[in-house]
Every structure is written in structure tokens, then in C-alpha cells.
């Protein structure tokens, strides 16, 4: 069972790497940068970035993990070098996914390069008129990941919402780990059939 300690709502300094917020995470005393990814169901930790951190082989838990002012015991992780940074000058050794993010109200502040886990103050200069957007959390179950032995528990993590694009309601998945917008080819073709530049 995940145990959480520390103070929620404190902004965590991040770095923008190709439109992905990257934060430093400390695992069993070893610190490395990982991407914040709402599209990832798990916490992915690359052994190459966390040497001597006592990571499990494949899937398991870590004794201690710190993200900003929050500490976690028994965090469920996948230990494998499965990703590379989109920017060779900014290493990336994992992903902070739903195993942590889905436990908090999460705020992304790309302007000031900050992540907040838990309810915090609004950044300066932000309009205080809230806009509520309903969404669903979908997915979940047991699965496997290429390069990782054993079964991986996957929580409901897909943030799915409806948005109206040029008069037509569409379904989208929110993925903070994506550097670009992806559309089905059929939707893209429909949007550009008027001859607009692409």
C-alpha cells in the first residue's frame, strides 16, 4: 500500500524538455530527472539513471521515493530503460505516471516550469474564473510491457474528455507526455479538406 508523507500543494520546480515537464525524483537516495506523463499508467524508472537505488527487477516497489515536498513509501514501479529523452542534452530516466499522479489534484504550470501535487495557490497573473471540464478515467487491468518480465498492474489512467472542434464534438485523451497533438488521419483529412495550409 502506497504511503504518502510531507506537504501537498507545494510547487515543484520542473524543466521543460520539448514540451514535457521534467522533475527530479529521489529513489532510495539516488536522484534523477523523469518526465511527468498523464499518459503513463505507471512510474517508470530506468536503472541507468538510478544506479545503486535498489530498484526491483522488472516490477515491484521501492522503499523510498521523494518528489518535491512529498515522500512515498512502497511506490509501485516498473524498472526498465524503456524511454529516451527527446533532447539529447537533457537526460530523462523515467516517467512519473498515474501510480502517483492519480492520487492528487495535479497542476501543470508550463509558464513557470512547475508541477504541483495537491491543491495549491494559483500562479500569479492567472485568471481566477474556473472552468470545469468533465472527464472520465478509463483503462486499467493487468498487462505486459515489452522488455519487462511479468505482469504489470495498470490503474485506470486514461484522461478522456469531449471537445468541440469546428462544430463537431470529438473525444480526446489528455497526455502531458506528448510533445505534439495526434489526430486520427480521417479527422485530420476532414479538417484540412477546405485547403488550409498544414
C-alpha atoms as a PDB file:
ATOM      1  CA  UNK A   1       0.000   0.000   0.000  1.00  0.00           C
ATOM      2  CA  UNK A   2       1.381   3.402  -1.005  1.00  0.00           C
ATOM      3  CA  UNK A   3       2.176   5.595   1.989  1.00  0.00           C
ATOM      4  CA  UNK A   4       2.367   9.375   1.490  1.00  0.00           C
ATOM      5  CA  UNK A   5       4.047  11.898   3.781  1.00  0.00           C
ATOM      6  CA  UNK A   6       5.043  15.533   3.514  1.00  0.00           C
ATOM      7  CA  UNK A   7       3.229  18.649   2.341  1.00  0.00           C
ATOM      8  CA  UNK A   8       0.810  18.725  -0.591  1.00  0.00           C
ATOM      9  CA  UNK A   9       0.283  21.802  -2.749  1.00  0.00           C
ATOM     10  CA  UNK A  10       3.910  22.984  -2.797  1.00  0.00           C
ATOM     11  CA  UNK A  11       5.102  23.798  -6.353  1.00  0.00           C
ATOM     12  CA  UNK A  12       7.889  21.519  -7.541  1.00  0.00           C
ATOM     13  CA  UNK A  13      10.459  23.108  -9.811  1.00  0.00           C
ATOM     14  CA  UNK A  14      10.490  21.417 -13.196  1.00  0.00           C
ATOM     15  CA  UNK A  15      12.245  21.814 -16.516  1.00  0.00           C
ATOM     16  CA  UNK A  16      10.550  21.983 -19.905  1.00  0.00           C
ATOM     17  CA  UNK A  17      12.130  19.426 -22.228  1.00  0.00           C
ATOM     18  CA  UNK A  18      10.492  19.503 -25.666  1.00  0.00           C
ATOM     19  CA  UNK A  19       7.154  20.498 -24.060  1.00  0.00           C
ATOM     20  CA  UNK A  20       7.361  17.781 -21.390  1.00  0.00           C
ATOM     21  CA  UNK A  21       7.694  18.828 -17.747  1.00  0.00           C
ATOM     22  CA  UNK A  22      10.626  17.017 -16.147  1.00  0.00           C
ATOM     23  CA  UNK A  23      11.151  16.830 -12.365  1.00  0.00           C
ATOM     24  CA  UNK A  24      13.912  15.446 -10.179  1.00  0.00           C
ATOM     25  CA  UNK A  25      12.869  12.355  -8.241  1.00  0.00           C
ATOM     26  CA  UNK A  26      14.880  10.736  -5.467  1.00  0.00           C
ATOM     27  CA  UNK A  27      14.589   6.960  -5.087  1.00  0.00           C
ATOM     28  CA  UNK A  28      16.319   5.353  -2.116  1.00  0.00           C
ATOM     29  CA  UNK A  29      18.793   8.259  -2.011  1.00  0.00           C
ATOM     30  CA  UNK A  30      19.528   8.436  -5.774  1.00  0.00           C
ATOM     31  CA  UNK A  31      18.221  11.468  -7.710  1.00  0.00           C
ATOM     32  CA  UNK A  32      17.497  11.626 -11.454  1.00  0.00           C
ATOM     33  CA  UNK A  33      15.173  13.554 -13.812  1.00  0.00           C
ATOM     34  CA  UNK A  34      11.961  11.893 -15.028  1.00  0.00           C
ATOM     35  CA  UNK A  35       9.101  13.136 -17.210  1.00  0.00           C
ATOM     36  CA  UNK A  36       5.642  13.904 -15.830  1.00  0.00           C
ATOM     37  CA  UNK A  37       3.269  11.891 -18.005  1.00  0.00           C
ATOM     38  CA  UNK A  38      -0.502  11.677 -17.545  1.00  0.00           C
ATOM     39  CA  UNK A  39      -0.484   9.166 -20.419  1.00  0.00           C
ATOM     40  CA  UNK A  40       1.619   6.703 -18.426  1.00  0.00           C
ATOM     41  CA  UNK A  41      -0.200   4.288 -16.119  1.00  0.00           C
ATOM     42  CA  UNK A  42       2.917   3.529 -14.077  1.00  0.00           C
ATOM     43  CA  UNK A  43       6.018   5.020 -12.537  1.00  0.00           C
ATOM     44  CA  UNK A  44       8.799   4.012 -14.898  1.00  0.00           C
ATOM     45  CA  UNK A  45      12.355   4.188 -13.522  1.00  0.00           C
ATOM     46  CA  UNK A  46      15.362   3.474 -15.716  1.00  0.00           C
ATOM     47  CA  UNK A  47      18.093   1.564 -13.854  1.00  0.00           C
ATOM     48  CA  UNK A  48      20.729   3.507 -15.819  1.00  0.00           C
ATOM     49  CA  UNK A  49      19.557   6.724 -14.123  1.00  0.00           C
ATOM     50  CA  UNK A  50      19.127   5.200 -10.669  1.00  0.00           C
ATOM     51  CA  UNK A  51      22.262   3.101 -10.089  1.00  0.00           C
ATOM     52  CA  UNK A  52      22.557   1.603  -6.618  1.00  0.00           C
ATOM     53  CA  UNK A  53      18.974   2.654  -5.785  1.00  0.00           C
ATOM     54  CA  UNK A  54      17.839  -0.901  -5.119  1.00  0.00           C
ATOM     55  CA  UNK A  55      15.258  -0.917  -7.909  1.00  0.00           C
ATOM     56  CA  UNK A  56      13.256  -4.115  -8.304  1.00  0.00           C
ATOM     57  CA  UNK A  57      13.931  -6.408 -11.224  1.00  0.00           C
ATOM     58  CA  UNK A  58      11.093  -5.528 -13.577  1.00  0.00           C
ATOM     59  CA  UNK A  59       8.021  -4.799 -11.463  1.00  0.00           C
ATOM     60  CA  UNK A  60       7.905  -4.147  -7.728  1.00  0.00           C
ATOM     61  CA  UNK A  61       8.023  -1.454  -5.064  1.00  0.00           C
ATOM     62  CA  UNK A  62      10.672   0.953  -3.806  1.00  0.00           C
ATOM     63  CA  UNK A  63      11.222   1.704  -0.133  1.00  0.00           C
ATOM     64  CA  UNK A  64      11.522   5.463  -0.511  1.00  0.00           C
ATOM     65  CA  UNK A  65      10.690   7.968  -3.235  1.00  0.00           C
ATOM     66  CA  UNK A  66      10.638  11.752  -2.957  1.00  0.00           C
ATOM     67  CA  UNK A  67       9.025  14.204  -5.368  1.00  0.00           C
ATOM     68  CA  UNK A  68       9.305  17.802  -4.187  1.00  0.00           C
ATOM     69  CA  UNK A  69       7.930  18.120  -0.638  1.00  0.00           C
ATOM     70  CA  UNK A  70       6.219  14.709  -0.779  1.00  0.00           C
ATOM     71  CA  UNK A  71       7.628  11.366   0.273  1.00  0.00           C
ATOM     72  CA  UNK A  72       6.304   7.975  -0.792  1.00  0.00           C
ATOM     73  CA  UNK A  73       6.887   4.530   0.690  1.00  0.00           C
ATOM     74  CA  UNK A  74       6.089   1.320  -1.171  1.00  0.00           C
ATOM     75  CA  UNK A  75       5.602   3.069  -4.530  1.00  0.00           C
ATOM     76  CA  UNK A  76       4.779   0.522  -7.249  1.00  0.00           C
ATOM     77  CA  UNK A  77       7.271   0.947 -10.099  1.00  0.00           C
ATOM     78  CA  UNK A  78       8.418  -0.612 -13.334  1.00  0.00           C
ATOM     79  CA  UNK A  79      12.214  -0.685 -13.500  1.00  0.00           C
ATOM     80  CA  UNK A  80      13.389  -0.719 -17.103  1.00  0.00           C
ATOM     81  CA  UNK A  81      15.250   1.547 -19.521  1.00  0.00           C
ATOM     82  CA  UNK A  82      12.348   1.927 -21.972  1.00  0.00           C
ATOM     83  CA  UNK A  83      12.466   5.598 -22.953  1.00  0.00           C
ATOM     84  CA  UNK A  84      14.915   8.177 -24.235  1.00  0.00           C
ATOM     85  CA  UNK A  85      14.801  11.934 -23.947  1.00  0.00           C
ATOM     86  CA  UNK A  86      13.562  13.897 -26.962  1.00  0.00           C
ATOM     87  CA  UNK A  87      16.505  16.254 -26.264  1.00  0.00           C
ATOM     88  CA  UNK A  88      19.961  14.644 -26.085  1.00  0.00           C
ATOM     89  CA  UNK A  89      21.230  17.498 -23.872  1.00  0.00           C
ATOM     90  CA  UNK A  90      18.564  16.791 -21.212  1.00  0.00           C
ATOM     91  CA  UNK A  91      18.609  13.182 -19.982  1.00  0.00           C
ATOM     92  CA  UNK A  92      15.349  11.527 -18.981  1.00  0.00           C
ATOM     93  CA  UNK A  93      15.384   8.385 -16.850  1.00  0.00           C
ATOM     94  CA  UNK A  94      11.729   7.525 -16.412  1.00  0.00           C
ATOM     95  CA  UNK A  95       8.139   8.683 -16.170  1.00  0.00           C
ATOM     96  CA  UNK A  96       6.022   9.854 -13.267  1.00  0.00           C
ATOM     97  CA  UNK A  97       2.656   8.347 -14.171  1.00  0.00           C
ATOM     98  CA  UNK A  98      -0.723   7.548 -12.681  1.00  0.00           C
ATOM     99  CA  UNK A  99       0.609   5.457  -9.792  1.00  0.00           C
ATOM    100  CA  UNK A 100       1.423   8.851  -8.201  1.00  0.00           C
ATOM    101  CA  UNK A 101      -0.458  11.455 -10.268  1.00  0.00           C
ATOM    102  CA  UNK A 102      -3.883   9.815  -9.891  1.00  0.00           C
ATOM    103  CA  UNK A 103      -3.674  10.243  -6.109  1.00  0.00           C
ATOM    104  CA  UNK A 104      -3.650  14.046  -6.264  1.00  0.00           C
ATOM    105  CA  UNK A 105      -5.192  17.141  -7.730  1.00  0.00           C
ATOM    106  CA  UNK A 106      -2.391  17.920 -10.214  1.00  0.00           C
ATOM    107  CA  UNK A 107      -1.460  21.340 -11.630  1.00  0.00           C
ATOM    108  CA  UNK A 108       0.891  21.884 -14.556  1.00  0.00           C
ATOM    109  CA  UNK A 109       2.400  25.361 -14.794  1.00  0.00           C
ATOM    110  CA  UNK A 110       4.377  25.374 -18.033  1.00  0.00           C
ATOM    111  CA  UNK A 111       4.961  29.138 -17.884  1.00  0.00           C
ATOM    112  CA  UNK A 112       6.871  28.940 -14.588  1.00  0.00           C
ATOM    113  CA  UNK A 113       8.013  25.337 -15.150  1.00  0.00           C
ATOM    114  CA  UNK A 114       6.329  23.920 -12.055  1.00  0.00           C
ATOM    115  CA  UNK A 115       4.319  20.859 -11.091  1.00  0.00           C
ATOM    116  CA  UNK A 116       2.035  20.861  -8.045  1.00  0.00           C
ATOM    117  CA  UNK A 117       0.716  17.681  -6.428  1.00  0.00           C
ATOM    118  CA  UNK A 118      -2.281  18.571  -4.269  1.00  0.00           C
ATOM    119  CA  UNK A 119      -4.311  21.759  -4.097  1.00  0.00           C
ATOM    120  CA  UNK A 120      -2.030  24.787  -4.197  1.00  0.00           C
ATOM    121  CA  UNK A 121      -2.235  28.507  -4.832  1.00  0.00           C
ATOM    122  CA  UNK A 122      -2.760  29.720  -8.382  1.00  0.00           C
ATOM    123  CA  UNK A 123       0.321  31.145 -10.083  1.00  0.00           C
ATOM    124  CA  UNK A 124       0.446  34.941 -10.309  1.00  0.00           C
ATOM    125  CA  UNK A 125      -1.342  36.563 -13.224  1.00  0.00           C
ATOM    126  CA  UNK A 126      -3.787  33.690 -13.761  1.00  0.00           C
ATOM    127  CA  UNK A 127      -7.497  34.372 -14.296  1.00  0.00           C
ATOM    128  CA  UNK A 128      -9.388  33.014 -11.303  1.00  0.00           C
ATOM    129  CA  UNK A 129     -12.556  32.178 -13.257  1.00  0.00           C
ATOM    130  CA  UNK A 130     -12.588  28.392 -13.034  1.00  0.00           C
ATOM    131  CA  UNK A 131     -13.672  26.328 -15.998  1.00  0.00           C
ATOM    132  CA  UNK A 132     -14.748  22.817 -15.086  1.00  0.00           C
ATOM    133  CA  UNK A 133     -14.225  20.217 -17.803  1.00  0.00           C
ATOM    134  CA  UNK A 134     -15.794  16.812 -17.127  1.00  0.00           C
ATOM    135  CA  UNK A 135     -13.610  13.824 -17.932  1.00  0.00           C
ATOM    136  CA  UNK A 136     -13.506  10.073 -17.448  1.00  0.00           C
ATOM    137  CA  UNK A 137     -10.689   7.860 -16.236  1.00  0.00           C
ATOM    138  CA  UNK A 138     -10.577   4.786 -18.448  1.00  0.00           C
ATOM    139  CA  UNK A 139      -8.372   1.743 -18.873  1.00  0.00           C
ATOM    140  CA  UNK A 140      -6.889  -0.444 -16.203  1.00  0.00           C
ATOM    141  CA  UNK A 141      -6.249  -4.108 -15.574  1.00  0.00           C
ATOM    142  CA  UNK A 142      -3.234  -6.362 -15.874  1.00  0.00           C
ATOM    143  CA  UNK A 143      -0.895  -6.156 -18.814  1.00  0.00           C
ATOM    144  CA  UNK A 144       2.638  -6.506 -20.010  1.00  0.00           C
ATOM    145  CA  UNK A 145       5.287  -4.101 -21.259  1.00  0.00           C
ATOM    146  CA  UNK A 146       7.868  -5.015 -23.875  1.00  0.00           C
ATOM    147  CA  UNK A 147      11.210  -5.504 -22.169  1.00  0.00           C
ATOM    148  CA  UNK A 148       9.681  -6.069 -18.718  1.00  0.00           C
ATOM    149  CA  UNK A 149       9.129  -9.533 -17.335  1.00  0.00           C
ATOM    150  CA  UNK A 150       5.937 -10.418 -15.517  1.00  0.00           C
ATOM    151  CA  UNK A 151       2.526  -8.851 -15.260  1.00  0.00           C
ATOM    152  CA  UNK A 152       2.115  -5.098 -14.725  1.00  0.00           C
ATOM    153  CA  UNK A 153      -0.834  -3.709 -12.749  1.00  0.00           C
ATOM    154  CA  UNK A 154      -2.317  -0.825 -14.738  1.00  0.00           C
ATOM    155  CA  UNK A 155      -4.747   1.546 -12.970  1.00  0.00           C
ATOM    156  CA  UNK A 156      -7.477   3.490 -14.740  1.00  0.00           C
ATOM    157  CA  UNK A 157      -5.323   6.299 -16.114  1.00  0.00           C
ATOM    158  CA  UNK A 158      -6.561   7.486 -19.497  1.00  0.00           C
ATOM    159  CA  UNK A 159      -7.955  11.009 -19.027  1.00  0.00           C
ATOM    160  CA  UNK A 160     -10.652  11.161 -21.693  1.00  0.00           C
ATOM    161  CA  UNK A 161     -12.742  14.245 -22.443  1.00  0.00           C
ATOM    162  CA  UNK A 162     -15.002  15.687 -25.094  1.00  0.00           C
ATOM    163  CA  UNK A 163     -14.100  18.840 -27.019  1.00  0.00           C
ATOM    164  CA  UNK A 164     -15.829  20.600 -29.881  1.00  0.00           C
ATOM    165  CA  UNK A 165     -13.555  21.234 -32.853  1.00  0.00           C
ATOM    166  CA  UNK A 166     -15.031  23.378 -35.613  1.00  0.00           C
ATOM    167  CA  UNK A 167     -18.560  22.476 -34.622  1.00  0.00           C
ATOM    168  CA  UNK A 168     -18.060  18.729 -34.187  1.00  0.00           C
ATOM    169  CA  UNK A 169     -17.715  17.044 -30.801  1.00  0.00           C
ATOM    170  CA  UNK A 170     -14.628  14.849 -30.611  1.00  0.00           C
ATOM    171  CA  UNK A 171     -13.158  12.568 -27.951  1.00  0.00           C
ATOM    172  CA  UNK A 172      -9.591  13.249 -26.815  1.00  0.00           C
ATOM    173  CA  UNK A 173      -7.118  11.712 -24.395  1.00  0.00           C
ATOM    174  CA  UNK A 174      -5.022  14.146 -22.331  1.00  0.00           C
ATOM    175  CA  UNK A 175      -1.351  13.152 -22.332  1.00  0.00           C
ATOM    176  CA  UNK A 176       1.155  15.516 -20.730  1.00  0.00           C
ATOM    177  CA  UNK A 177       3.979  13.315 -22.012  1.00  0.00           C
ATOM    178  CA  UNK A 178       3.166  14.057 -25.647  1.00  0.00           C
ATOM    179  CA  UNK A 179       5.046  16.829 -27.434  1.00  0.00           C
ATOM    180  CA  UNK A 180       2.551  17.030 -30.303  1.00  0.00           C
ATOM    181  CA  UNK A 181      -1.192  16.698 -30.901  1.00  0.00           C
ATOM    182  CA  UNK A 182      -2.175  13.458 -32.583  1.00  0.00           C
ATOM    183  CA  UNK A 183      -5.338  13.112 -34.630  1.00  0.00           C
ATOM    184  CA  UNK A 184      -6.786  10.180 -36.491  1.00  0.00           C
ATOM    185  CA  UNK A 185      -5.978  10.542 -40.173  1.00  0.00           C
ATOM    186  CA  UNK A 186      -9.696  10.656 -41.018  1.00  0.00           C
ATOM    187  CA  UNK A 187     -10.270  13.620 -38.655  1.00  0.00           C
ATOM    188  CA  UNK A 188      -7.192  15.453 -39.959  1.00  0.00           C
ATOM    189  CA  UNK A 189      -8.301  14.914 -43.569  1.00  0.00           C
ATOM    190  CA  UNK A 190     -11.743  16.280 -42.743  1.00  0.00           C
ATOM    191  CA  UNK A 191     -10.285  19.386 -41.091  1.00  0.00           C
ATOM    192  CA  UNK A 192      -7.962  20.262 -43.988  1.00  0.00           C
ATOM    193  CA  UNK A 193     -10.315  19.465 -46.868  1.00  0.00           C
ATOM    194  CA  UNK A 194     -11.030  23.202 -47.124  1.00  0.00           C
ATOM    195  CA  UNK A 195      -7.473  23.693 -48.469  1.00  0.00           C
ATOM    196  CA  UNK A 196      -5.923  25.314 -45.389  1.00  0.00           C
ATOM    197  CA  UNK A 197      -2.161  25.157 -45.012  1.00  0.00           C
ATOM    198  CA  UNK A 198      -0.798  22.256 -42.977  1.00  0.00           C
END
